[in-house]
Amino acid sequence: QILPLPQNVIDYLLDDGTLVVSGSDHNTQQTHTNNSDSNAEEDIQWSDDETTTTVTAPEFPEFTSEVLEAINALGGRIFPKLNWSAPRDANWIALNSSLQCHSLSDIFLLFKSSDFITHDLTQPFLLCSDQDSPDPVINYELVLRKWSELIPGGEFRCFVKENKLIAISPRDYTQYYQHILKQEEQICQAIQQFFSQHIQYNFLDEDFVFDVYRDSQGRVWLIDLNPFGEVTDSLLFSWEELTSGGEITQQQEGPVFRYTTSEVTVQPSPCLSYRIPRDFVDLSTGEDAYKLIDFLKLV
C-alpha cells in the first residue's frame, strides 16, 4: 500500500529534538481499556532545580488512521520504506532487531533513526549527474508491504546497463551460503530468464538496478528497483567497473555473478557502522563489568 506522506509528518521525521512518539496508533480496544494510563502518560516531563520542560508526543490522527487501516489490510505485519529507501541501517534500534512493524510508532522509530531515510528527505539528488538542474518537486510516500520471512541467501541485486543484465550479487554478500555455490548456474539462469520475460525493455530507463528473491521452488520474485549509480550499494562490485565499459559491460556470455565463495572471506555487515558503539551497549546491559568500572573511574 502507498500512502502520501503529509508535510507535518516529514517535519516530525526531520526534527532532531522530538524523541517521543504518539501511542495513539494502537488498536481501538487497547485504547479504551488503557485510557486512564494513556492520559497519565500523555506528557513526559524532565525537571531540575531551575526549569521544567514538557515534551508532548505529536499527533497525526488522520494519517495514523490511514496507516493502521493499511497495516490491518496487510495482515498486521508490514515492511516500511519511502519512495527510494528502507531504514535498513536502523534495525538495531527496534526491540526485535527487525524491520517488521506492527504500528505507526514502530515505523517512526525506524525512520527517525535512519540515515538512509534522512538522505531521501534532505538530499535525494546529491549524486545525480545533472546537479546543476533544479531539483524536481517530490511527493513523498510511505510504502507499506506485507511482511514475508525471506531467507537472506535468496536475495540478489542485479545491475542493468543499456538494457543488458551485466552483473549479479547476493544482497547479503557478507556471509557464505553453500547453496549459492552449488546452484550458481541455476540461479543465474533463473534470474536471466526472469529479466528477459518481465523487466527488459519495460522500464523507463535503460540503466537501473533491480532486486529479486529466488525461493526454495526456484521461482524468482521482484523486490525493488533502484537507480544505477553510487547512491545504490554496489555490493561485491565497484561503480567504477560497472560504469567504465570494461570487462563486465563487454562480456557477451551473460552477467558476471559474484558471491562469497568460502567462510574465510566472510565480511562484517556494512550497516554495523550505523549502530551505537558496542561499549554503550555493554554499559547499558551490564555485560562487561570492567567497562563499567572504567567508566565510573572517569566520572
C-alpha atoms as a PDB file:
ATOM      1  CA  GLN A   1       0.000   0.000   0.000  1.00  0.00           C
ATOM      2  CA  ILE A   2       1.211   3.516  -0.834  1.00  0.00           C
ATOM      3  CA  LEU A   3       0.198   6.483   1.318  1.00  0.00           C
ATOM      4  CA  PRO A   4       1.071  10.152   0.701  1.00  0.00           C
ATOM      5  CA  LEU A   5       3.352  11.488   3.439  1.00  0.00           C
ATOM      6  CA  PRO A   6       1.921  14.729   4.919  1.00  0.00           C
ATOM      7  CA  GLN A   7       4.301  17.655   5.348  1.00  0.00           C
ATOM      8  CA  ASN A   8       3.807  17.745   9.131  1.00  0.00           C
ATOM      9  CA  VAL A   9       4.930  14.099   9.311  1.00  0.00           C
ATOM     10  CA  ILE A  10       8.022  14.899   7.202  1.00  0.00           C
ATOM     11  CA  ASP A  11       8.801  17.812   9.541  1.00  0.00           C
ATOM     12  CA  TYR A  12       8.467  15.488  12.525  1.00  0.00           C
ATOM     13  CA  LEU A  13      10.807  12.889  10.985  1.00  0.00           C
ATOM     14  CA  LEU A  14      13.440  15.581  10.426  1.00  0.00           C
ATOM     15  CA  ASP A  15      13.076  17.146  13.869  1.00  0.00           C
ATOM     16  CA  ASP A  16      16.132  16.140  15.896  1.00  0.00           C
ATOM     17  CA  GLY A  17      14.608  17.441  19.101  1.00  0.00           C
ATOM     18  CA  THR A  18      11.473  15.300  19.035  1.00  0.00           C
ATOM     19  CA  LEU A  19      12.147  11.890  20.579  1.00  0.00           C
ATOM     20  CA  VAL A  20       8.727  10.786  21.795  1.00  0.00           C
ATOM     21  CA  VAL A  21       6.148   9.239  19.503  1.00  0.00           C
ATOM     22  CA  SER A  22       2.425   9.074  19.828  1.00  0.00           C
ATOM     23  CA  GLY A  23       0.884   5.966  21.381  1.00  0.00           C
ATOM     24  CA  SER A  24      -2.497   6.560  19.745  1.00  0.00           C
ATOM     25  CA  ASP A  25      -1.750   4.145  16.924  1.00  0.00           C
ATOM     26  CA  HIS A  26      -2.693   1.092  18.996  1.00  0.00           C
ATOM     27  CA  ASN A  27      -5.948  -0.645  18.171  1.00  0.00           C
ATOM     28  CA  THR A  28      -9.251   0.708  19.433  1.00  0.00           C
ATOM     29  CA  GLN A  29      -9.794  -1.938  22.085  1.00  0.00           C
ATOM     30  CA  GLN A  30      -6.441  -1.260  23.710  1.00  0.00           C
ATOM     31  CA  THR A  31      -7.127   2.475  23.612  1.00  0.00           C
ATOM     32  CA  HIS A  32     -10.369   2.125  25.551  1.00  0.00           C
ATOM     33  CA  THR A  33      -9.068  -0.336  28.133  1.00  0.00           C
ATOM     34  CA  ASN A  34      -5.917   1.653  28.819  1.00  0.00           C
ATOM     35  CA  ASN A  35      -7.482   5.093  28.546  1.00  0.00           C
ATOM     36  CA  SER A  36      -6.558   6.206  32.062  1.00  0.00           C
ATOM     37  CA  ASP A  37      -2.957   5.097  31.617  1.00  0.00           C
ATOM     38  CA  SER A  38      -2.604   6.851  28.274  1.00  0.00           C
ATOM     39  CA  ASN A  39      -3.954  10.104  29.724  1.00  0.00           C
ATOM     40  CA  ALA A  40      -1.474   9.911  32.572  1.00  0.00           C
ATOM     41  CA  GLU A  41       1.426   9.367  30.201  1.00  0.00           C
ATOM     42  CA  GLU A  42       0.341  11.876  27.569  1.00  0.00           C
ATOM     43  CA  ASP A  43       3.009  14.350  28.697  1.00  0.00           C
ATOM     44  CA  ILE A  44       6.556  13.404  29.638  1.00  0.00           C
ATOM     45  CA  GLN A  45       8.381  15.788  31.970  1.00  0.00           C
ATOM     46  CA  TRP A  46      12.015  16.239  32.896  1.00  0.00           C
ATOM     47  CA  SER A  47      12.814  18.714  35.641  1.00  0.00           C
ATOM     48  CA  ASP A  48      15.765  20.079  37.595  1.00  0.00           C
ATOM     49  CA  ASP A  49      16.207  22.784  40.170  1.00  0.00           C
ATOM     50  CA  GLU A  50      15.862  25.586  37.639  1.00  0.00           C
ATOM     51  CA  THR A  51      13.442  24.685  34.845  1.00  0.00           C
ATOM     52  CA  THR A  52      10.759  22.209  33.878  1.00  0.00           C
ATOM     53  CA  THR A  53      10.459  21.064  30.260  1.00  0.00           C
ATOM     54  CA  THR A  54       7.360  19.386  28.892  1.00  0.00           C
ATOM     55  CA  VAL A  55       7.624  17.229  25.768  1.00  0.00           C
ATOM     56  CA  THR A  56       4.318  16.348  24.152  1.00  0.00           C
ATOM     57  CA  ALA A  57       4.027  13.487  21.725  1.00  0.00           C
ATOM     58  CA  PRO A  58       2.944  14.762  18.295  1.00  0.00           C
ATOM     59  CA  GLU A  59      -0.402  13.616  16.985  1.00  0.00           C
ATOM     60  CA  PHE A  60      -1.363  12.805  13.376  1.00  0.00           C
ATOM     61  CA  PRO A  61      -4.937  11.472  13.722  1.00  0.00           C
ATOM     62  CA  GLU A  62      -5.888  11.218  10.043  1.00  0.00           C
ATOM     63  CA  PHE A  63      -2.529   9.819   8.916  1.00  0.00           C
ATOM     64  CA  THR A  64      -2.461   7.399  11.866  1.00  0.00           C
ATOM     65  CA  SER A  65      -5.877   6.075  10.899  1.00  0.00           C
ATOM     66  CA  GLU A  66      -4.802   5.553   7.277  1.00  0.00           C
ATOM     67  CA  VAL A  67      -1.622   3.722   8.310  1.00  0.00           C
ATOM     68  CA  LEU A  68      -3.433   1.458  10.787  1.00  0.00           C
ATOM     69  CA  GLU A  69      -6.036   0.584   8.182  1.00  0.00           C
ATOM     70  CA  ALA A  70      -3.302  -0.287   5.688  1.00  0.00           C
ATOM     71  CA  ILE A  71      -1.379  -2.380   8.238  1.00  0.00           C
ATOM     72  CA  ASN A  72      -4.504  -4.343   9.129  1.00  0.00           C
ATOM     73  CA  ALA A  73      -5.274  -4.902   5.444  1.00  0.00           C
ATOM     74  CA  LEU A  74      -1.777  -6.342   5.002  1.00  0.00           C
ATOM     75  CA  GLY A  75      -2.156  -8.841   7.829  1.00  0.00           C
ATOM     76  CA  GLY A  76      -0.889  -6.781  10.752  1.00  0.00           C
ATOM     77  CA  ARG A  77       2.829  -7.079   9.925  1.00  0.00           C
ATOM     78  CA  ILE A  78       4.498  -4.836   7.371  1.00  0.00           C
ATOM     79  CA  PHE A  79       7.823  -3.741   5.886  1.00  0.00           C
ATOM     80  CA  PRO A  80       8.055   0.090   5.572  1.00  0.00           C
ATOM     81  CA  LYS A  81      10.028   2.286   3.176  1.00  0.00           C
ATOM     82  CA  LEU A  82       9.907   5.658   1.465  1.00  0.00           C
ATOM     83  CA  ASN A  83       9.946   6.361  -2.273  1.00  0.00           C
ATOM     84  CA  TRP A  84      13.517   5.049  -2.556  1.00  0.00           C
ATOM     85  CA  SER A  85      14.998   3.684   0.645  1.00  0.00           C
ATOM     86  CA  ALA A  86      14.101   1.405   3.526  1.00  0.00           C
ATOM     87  CA  PRO A  87      15.541   2.048   7.022  1.00  0.00           C
ATOM     88  CA  ARG A  88      17.894  -0.959   6.830  1.00  0.00           C
ATOM     89  CA  ASP A  89      20.522   0.914   8.823  1.00  0.00           C
ATOM     90  CA  ALA A  90      18.181   1.319  11.811  1.00  0.00           C
ATOM     91  CA  ASN A  91      17.034  -2.239  12.573  1.00  0.00           C
ATOM     92  CA  TRP A  92      19.394  -2.247  15.578  1.00  0.00           C
ATOM     93  CA  ILE A  93      17.123   0.161  17.447  1.00  0.00           C
ATOM     94  CA  ALA A  94      13.986  -1.992  17.178  1.00  0.00           C
ATOM     95  CA  LEU A  95      13.170  -4.333  20.051  1.00  0.00           C
ATOM     96  CA  ASN A  96      13.161  -7.315  17.702  1.00  0.00           C
ATOM     97  CA  SER A  97      16.190  -6.069  15.692  1.00  0.00           C
ATOM     98  CA  SER A  98      13.991  -6.339  12.619  1.00  0.00           C
ATOM     99  CA  LEU A  99      12.310  -4.045  10.110  1.00  0.00           C
ATOM    100  CA  GLN A 100       8.994  -5.759  10.831  1.00  0.00           C
ATOM    101  CA  CYS A 101       6.458  -3.169  12.048  1.00  0.00           C
ATOM    102  CA  HIS A 102       3.031  -3.515  13.649  1.00  0.00           C
ATOM    103  CA  SER A 103       2.196   0.135  14.313  1.00  0.00           C
ATOM    104  CA  LEU A 104       2.961   3.694  13.284  1.00  0.00           C
ATOM    105  CA  SER A 105       5.184   4.057  16.343  1.00  0.00           C
ATOM    106  CA  ASP A 106       7.349   1.194  15.066  1.00  0.00           C
ATOM    107  CA  ILE A 107       7.667   2.939  11.695  1.00  0.00           C
ATOM    108  CA  PHE A 108       8.502   6.308  13.260  1.00  0.00           C
ATOM    109  CA  LEU A 109      11.186   4.755  15.472  1.00  0.00           C
ATOM    110  CA  LEU A 110      12.945   3.216  12.464  1.00  0.00           C
ATOM    111  CA  PHE A 111      12.547   6.243  10.189  1.00  0.00           C
ATOM    112  CA  LYS A 112      13.793   8.769  12.756  1.00  0.00           C
ATOM    113  CA  SER A 113      16.840   6.574  13.464  1.00  0.00           C
ATOM    114  CA  SER A 114      17.777   6.001   9.826  1.00  0.00           C
ATOM    115  CA  ASP A 115      20.419   7.943   7.888  1.00  0.00           C
ATOM    116  CA  PHE A 116      19.034   6.377   4.696  1.00  0.00           C
ATOM    117  CA  ILE A 117      15.620   7.939   5.316  1.00  0.00           C
ATOM    118  CA  THR A 118      17.159  11.303   6.241  1.00  0.00           C
ATOM    119  CA  HIS A 119      19.137  11.246   2.977  1.00  0.00           C
ATOM    120  CA  ASP A 120      15.946  10.640   0.986  1.00  0.00           C
ATOM    121  CA  LEU A 121      14.202  13.531   2.722  1.00  0.00           C
ATOM    122  CA  THR A 122      17.052  16.045   2.513  1.00  0.00           C
ATOM    123  CA  GLN A 123      19.490  15.156  -0.294  1.00  0.00           C
ATOM    124  CA  PRO A 124      17.843  12.665  -2.655  1.00  0.00           C
ATOM    125  CA  PHE A 125      19.629  14.029  -5.767  1.00  0.00           C
ATOM    126  CA  LEU A 126      23.054  14.562  -4.201  1.00  0.00           C
ATOM    127  CA  LEU A 127      24.901  12.139  -6.511  1.00  0.00           C
ATOM    128  CA  CYS A 128      22.919  12.794  -9.681  1.00  0.00           C
ATOM    129  CA  SER A 129      24.926  13.693 -12.814  1.00  0.00           C
ATOM    130  CA  ASP A 130      22.731  16.718 -13.604  1.00  0.00           C
ATOM    131  CA  GLN A 131      23.189  18.501 -10.267  1.00  0.00           C
ATOM    132  CA  ASP A 132      23.102  21.906 -11.963  1.00  0.00           C
ATOM    133  CA  SER A 133      19.448  21.368 -12.865  1.00  0.00           C
ATOM    134  CA  PRO A 134      16.812  22.448 -10.338  1.00  0.00           C
ATOM    135  CA  ASP A 135      15.543  19.608  -8.163  1.00  0.00           C
ATOM    136  CA  PRO A 136      12.076  18.397  -9.126  1.00  0.00           C
ATOM    137  CA  VAL A 137       9.232  18.589  -6.639  1.00  0.00           C
ATOM    138  CA  ILE A 138       8.975  15.301  -4.749  1.00  0.00           C
ATOM    139  CA  ASN A 139       5.732  13.866  -3.489  1.00  0.00           C
ATOM    140  CA  TYR A 140       6.991  11.699  -0.646  1.00  0.00           C
ATOM    141  CA  GLU A 141       5.102   8.493   0.003  1.00  0.00           C
ATOM    142  CA  LEU A 142       5.075   5.852   2.714  1.00  0.00           C
ATOM    143  CA  VAL A 143       5.246   2.419   1.103  1.00  0.00           C
ATOM    144  CA  LEU A 144       3.936  -0.491   3.193  1.00  0.00           C
ATOM    145  CA  ARG A 145       4.475  -4.069   2.090  1.00  0.00           C
ATOM    146  CA  LYS A 146       3.090  -7.237   3.596  1.00  0.00           C
ATOM    147  CA  TRP A 147       5.756  -8.825   5.762  1.00  0.00           C
ATOM    148  CA  SER A 148       7.312 -12.022   4.448  1.00  0.00           C
ATOM    149  CA  GLU A 149      10.060 -14.091   6.015  1.00  0.00           C
ATOM    150  CA  LEU A 150      12.783 -14.176   3.374  1.00  0.00           C
ATOM    151  CA  ILE A 151      15.966 -16.214   3.574  1.00  0.00           C
ATOM    152  CA  PRO A 152      18.827 -13.667   3.243  1.00  0.00           C
ATOM    153  CA  GLY A 153      20.756 -16.024   0.950  1.00  0.00           C
ATOM    154  CA  GLY A 154      17.891 -15.915  -1.564  1.00  0.00           C
ATOM    155  CA  GLU A 155      18.058 -12.178  -2.289  1.00  0.00           C
ATOM    156  CA  PHE A 156      20.079 -10.903  -5.239  1.00  0.00           C
ATOM    157  CA  ARG A 157      20.916  -7.474  -6.669  1.00  0.00           C
ATOM    158  CA  CYS A 158      21.062  -7.217 -10.449  1.00  0.00           C
ATOM    159  CA  PHE A 159      22.725  -4.432 -12.443  1.00  0.00           C
ATOM    160  CA  VAL A 160      21.380  -3.428 -15.857  1.00  0.00           C
ATOM    161  CA  LYS A 161      23.245  -1.176 -18.299  1.00  0.00           C
ATOM    162  CA  GLU A 162      21.782  -0.249 -21.687  1.00  0.00           C
ATOM    163  CA  ASN A 163      19.012  -2.794 -21.079  1.00  0.00           C
ATOM    164  CA  LYS A 164      21.560  -5.578 -20.649  1.00  0.00           C
ATOM    165  CA  LEU A 165      21.924  -7.562 -17.427  1.00  0.00           C
ATOM    166  CA  ILE A 166      25.645  -7.204 -16.694  1.00  0.00           C
ATOM    167  CA  ALA A 167      26.147  -8.227 -13.053  1.00  0.00           C
ATOM    168  CA  ILE A 168      24.554 -10.135 -10.168  1.00  0.00           C
ATOM    169  CA  SER A 169      25.482 -10.162  -6.476  1.00  0.00           C
ATOM    170  CA  PRO A 170      23.795 -11.607  -3.370  1.00  0.00           C
ATOM    171  CA  ARG A 171      22.269  -8.879  -1.236  1.00  0.00           C
ATOM    172  CA  ASP A 172      23.863 -10.437   1.832  1.00  0.00           C
ATOM    173  CA  TYR A 173      27.365 -10.681   0.409  1.00  0.00           C
ATOM    174  CA  THR A 174      28.965 -10.667   3.858  1.00  0.00           C
ATOM    175  CA  GLN A 175      28.031 -14.317   4.510  1.00  0.00           C
ATOM    176  CA  TYR A 176      28.881 -17.615   2.849  1.00  0.00           C
ATOM    177  CA  TYR A 177      25.858 -19.547   1.546  1.00  0.00           C
ATOM    178  CA  GLN A 178      26.668 -23.061   0.393  1.00  0.00           C
ATOM    179  CA  HIS A 179      23.538 -23.346  -1.759  1.00  0.00           C
ATOM    180  CA  ILE A 180      24.692 -20.403  -3.919  1.00  0.00           C
ATOM    181  CA  LEU A 181      27.975 -22.182  -4.634  1.00  0.00           C
ATOM    182  CA  LYS A 182      26.134 -25.398  -5.553  1.00  0.00           C
ATOM    183  CA  GLN A 183      23.378 -23.731  -7.599  1.00  0.00           C
ATOM    184  CA  GLU A 184      25.326 -20.918  -9.248  1.00  0.00           C
ATOM    185  CA  GLU A 185      24.293 -21.842 -12.797  1.00  0.00           C
ATOM    186  CA  GLN A 186      20.617 -22.424 -11.935  1.00  0.00           C
ATOM    187  CA  ILE A 187      20.372 -19.159 -10.007  1.00  0.00           C
ATOM    188  CA  CYS A 188      21.964 -17.160 -12.812  1.00  0.00           C
ATOM    189  CA  GLN A 189      19.745 -18.751 -15.468  1.00  0.00           C
ATOM    190  CA  ALA A 190      16.573 -18.196 -13.420  1.00  0.00           C
ATOM    191  CA  ILE A 191      17.362 -14.511 -12.916  1.00  0.00           C
ATOM    192  CA  GLN A 192      18.277 -14.020 -16.593  1.00  0.00           C
ATOM    193  CA  GLN A 193      15.017 -15.639 -17.681  1.00  0.00           C
ATOM    194  CA  PHE A 194      13.004 -13.506 -15.257  1.00  0.00           C
ATOM    195  CA  PHE A 195      14.747 -10.378 -16.514  1.00  0.00           C
ATOM    196  CA  SER A 196      14.129 -11.115 -20.193  1.00  0.00           C
ATOM    197  CA  GLN A 197      10.472 -12.070 -19.661  1.00  0.00           C
ATOM    198  CA  HIS A 198       9.317  -9.431 -17.192  1.00  0.00           C
ATOM    199  CA  ILE A 199      11.731  -6.491 -16.912  1.00  0.00           C
ATOM    200  CA  GLN A 200      13.881  -5.950 -20.011  1.00  0.00           C
ATOM    201  CA  TYR A 201      12.637  -3.006 -22.139  1.00  0.00           C
ATOM    202  CA  ASN A 202       9.713  -2.498 -19.729  1.00  0.00           C
ATOM    203  CA  PHE A 203      11.467   0.065 -17.534  1.00  0.00           C
ATOM    204  CA  LEU A 204      11.621   3.759 -18.438  1.00  0.00           C
ATOM    205  CA  ASP A 205      15.396   3.933 -18.074  1.00  0.00           C
ATOM    206  CA  GLU A 206      17.903   1.647 -19.790  1.00  0.00           C
ATOM    207  CA  ASP A 207      20.318   1.794 -16.829  1.00  0.00           C
ATOM    208  CA  PHE A 208      18.935   0.619 -13.493  1.00  0.00           C
ATOM    209  CA  VAL A 209      19.295  -1.871 -10.650  1.00  0.00           C
ATOM    210  CA  PHE A 210      16.694  -4.368  -9.518  1.00  0.00           C
ATOM    211  CA  ASP A 211      16.487  -6.710  -6.532  1.00  0.00           C
ATOM    212  CA  VAL A 212      14.934 -10.171  -6.705  1.00  0.00           C
ATOM    213  CA  TYR A 213      14.255 -13.093  -4.417  1.00  0.00           C
ATOM    214  CA  ARG A 214      14.598 -16.722  -5.516  1.00  0.00           C
ATOM    215  CA  ASP A 215      12.531 -19.030  -3.330  1.00  0.00           C
ATOM    216  CA  SER A 216      13.065 -22.695  -2.481  1.00  0.00           C
ATOM    217  CA  GLN A 217      10.993 -23.720  -5.526  1.00  0.00           C
ATOM    218  CA  GLY A 218      13.273 -21.804  -7.874  1.00  0.00           C
ATOM    219  CA  ARG A 219      10.712 -19.066  -8.560  1.00  0.00           C
ATOM    220  CA  VAL A 220      12.006 -15.503  -8.884  1.00  0.00           C
ATOM    221  CA  TRP A 221      10.164 -12.526  -7.370  1.00  0.00           C
ATOM    222  CA  LEU A 222      10.806  -8.824  -7.972  1.00  0.00           C
ATOM    223  CA  ILE A 223      11.505  -6.958  -4.718  1.00  0.00           C
ATOM    224  CA  ASP A 224      12.575  -3.467  -5.738  1.00  0.00           C
ATOM    225  CA  LEU A 225      14.040  -1.166  -8.399  1.00  0.00           C
ATOM    226  CA  ASN A 226      16.913   1.223  -7.715  1.00  0.00           C
ATOM    227  CA  PRO A 227      18.905   3.956  -9.507  1.00  0.00           C
ATOM    228  CA  PHE A 228      22.007   2.893 -11.423  1.00  0.00           C
ATOM    229  CA  GLY A 229      24.643   4.899  -9.570  1.00  0.00           C
ATOM    230  CA  GLU A 230      26.599   5.453  -6.381  1.00  0.00           C
ATOM    231  CA  VAL A 231      23.504   6.100  -4.283  1.00  0.00           C
ATOM    232  CA  THR A 232      22.768   2.365  -4.662  1.00  0.00           C
ATOM    233  CA  ASP A 233      25.046  -0.123  -2.882  1.00  0.00           C
ATOM    234  CA  SER A 234      27.126  -1.953  -5.494  1.00  0.00           C
ATOM    235  CA  LEU A 235      27.846  -4.839  -3.065  1.00  0.00           C
ATOM    236  CA  LEU A 236      30.616  -7.093  -4.484  1.00  0.00           C
ATOM    237  CA  PHE A 237      31.237  -4.772  -7.426  1.00  0.00           C
ATOM    238  CA  SER A 238      32.541  -1.218  -7.675  1.00  0.00           C
ATOM    239  CA  TRP A 239      30.711   1.504  -9.530  1.00  0.00           C
ATOM    240  CA  GLU A 240      33.874   2.235 -11.480  1.00  0.00           C
ATOM    241  CA  GLU A 241      33.892  -1.217 -13.052  1.00  0.00           C
ATOM    242  CA  LEU A 242      30.120  -1.177 -13.581  1.00  0.00           C
ATOM    243  CA  THR A 243      30.189   2.132 -15.475  1.00  0.00           C
ATOM    244  CA  SER A 244      33.601   2.144 -17.149  1.00  0.00           C
ATOM    245  CA  GLY A 245      32.654  -0.069 -20.092  1.00  0.00           C
ATOM    246  CA  GLY A 246      35.345  -2.577 -19.204  1.00  0.00           C
ATOM    247  CA  GLU A 247      35.282  -6.342 -18.837  1.00  0.00           C
ATOM    248  CA  ILE A 248      31.919  -6.527 -17.055  1.00  0.00           C
ATOM    249  CA  THR A 249      29.914  -4.479 -19.551  1.00  0.00           C
ATOM    250  CA  GLN A 250      31.608  -6.072 -22.584  1.00  0.00           C
ATOM    251  CA  GLN A 251      31.103  -9.686 -21.515  1.00  0.00           C
ATOM    252  CA  GLN A 252      28.894 -11.439 -24.071  1.00  0.00           C
ATOM    253  CA  GLU A 253      28.152 -14.802 -22.423  1.00  0.00           C
ATOM    254  CA  GLY A 254      25.965 -13.391 -19.668  1.00  0.00           C
ATOM    255  CA  PRO A 255      26.133 -11.392 -16.442  1.00  0.00           C
ATOM    256  CA  VAL A 256      29.085 -11.612 -14.062  1.00  0.00           C
ATOM    257  CA  PHE A 257      27.903 -13.446 -10.925  1.00  0.00           C
ATOM    258  CA  ARG A 258      29.948 -12.742  -7.793  1.00  0.00           C
ATOM    259  CA  TYR A 259      29.355 -14.232  -4.356  1.00  0.00           C
ATOM    260  CA  THR A 260      31.256 -15.170  -1.216  1.00  0.00           C
ATOM    261  CA  THR A 261      32.939 -18.473  -2.036  1.00  0.00           C
ATOM    262  CA  SER A 262      34.079 -19.603   1.407  1.00  0.00           C
ATOM    263  CA  GLU A 263      33.729 -18.824   5.082  1.00  0.00           C
ATOM    264  CA  VAL A 264      37.260 -17.394   5.026  1.00  0.00           C
ATOM    265  CA  THR A 265      36.071 -14.390   3.019  1.00  0.00           C
ATOM    266  CA  VAL A 266      33.088 -13.551   5.258  1.00  0.00           C
ATOM    267  CA  GLN A 267      32.919  -9.792   5.924  1.00  0.00           C
ATOM    268  CA  PRO A 268      31.212  -7.646   8.576  1.00  0.00           C
ATOM    269  CA  SER A 269      27.884  -6.125   7.632  1.00  0.00           C
ATOM    270  CA  PRO A 270      28.244  -2.599   6.201  1.00  0.00           C
ATOM    271  CA  CYS A 271      25.255  -1.495   8.320  1.00  0.00           C
ATOM    272  CA  LEU A 272      27.245  -2.092  11.522  1.00  0.00           C
ATOM    273  CA  SER A 273      28.761   1.374  11.153  1.00  0.00           C
ATOM    274  CA  TYR A 274      25.331   2.938  11.736  1.00  0.00           C
ATOM    275  CA  ARG A 275      24.832   1.303  15.130  1.00  0.00           C
ATOM    276  CA  ILE A 276      25.655   2.755  18.525  1.00  0.00           C
ATOM    277  CA  PRO A 277      29.126   1.877  19.842  1.00  0.00           C
ATOM    278  CA  ARG A 278      29.423  -1.595  21.345  1.00  0.00           C
ATOM    279  CA  ASP A 279      30.768  -0.077  24.578  1.00  0.00           C
ATOM    280  CA  PHE A 280      27.472   1.756  25.072  1.00  0.00           C
ATOM    281  CA  VAL A 281      25.555  -1.497  24.706  1.00  0.00           C
ATOM    282  CA  ASP A 282      27.808  -3.280  27.188  1.00  0.00           C
ATOM    283  CA  LEU A 283      27.438  -0.466  29.699  1.00  0.00           C
ATOM    284  CA  SER A 284      23.644  -0.340  29.413  1.00  0.00           C
ATOM    285  CA  THR A 285      23.219  -4.098  29.802  1.00  0.00           C
ATOM    286  CA  GLY A 286      25.993  -4.684  32.330  1.00  0.00           C
ATOM    287  CA  GLU A 287      27.536  -7.359  30.116  1.00  0.00           C
ATOM    288  CA  ASP A 288      31.081  -6.083  30.654  1.00  0.00           C
ATOM    289  CA  ALA A 289      31.752  -5.233  34.301  1.00  0.00           C
ATOM    290  CA  TYR A 290      35.278  -3.969  33.580  1.00  0.00           C
ATOM    291  CA  LYS A 291      33.987  -1.343  31.155  1.00  0.00           C
ATOM    292  CA  LEU A 292      31.509  -0.167  33.796  1.00  0.00           C
ATOM    293  CA  ILE A 293      34.295   0.095  36.399  1.00  0.00           C
ATOM    294  CA  ASP A 294      36.478   2.093  33.985  1.00  0.00           C
ATOM    295  CA  PHE A 295      33.566   4.384  33.187  1.00  0.00           C
ATOM    296  CA  LEU A 296      32.832   5.029  36.894  1.00  0.00           C
ATOM    297  CA  LYS A 297      36.501   5.869  37.471  1.00  0.00           C
ATOM    298  CA  LEU A 298      36.236   8.553  34.772  1.00  0.00           C
ATOM    299  CA  VAL A 299      33.183  10.015  36.471  1.00  0.00           C
END
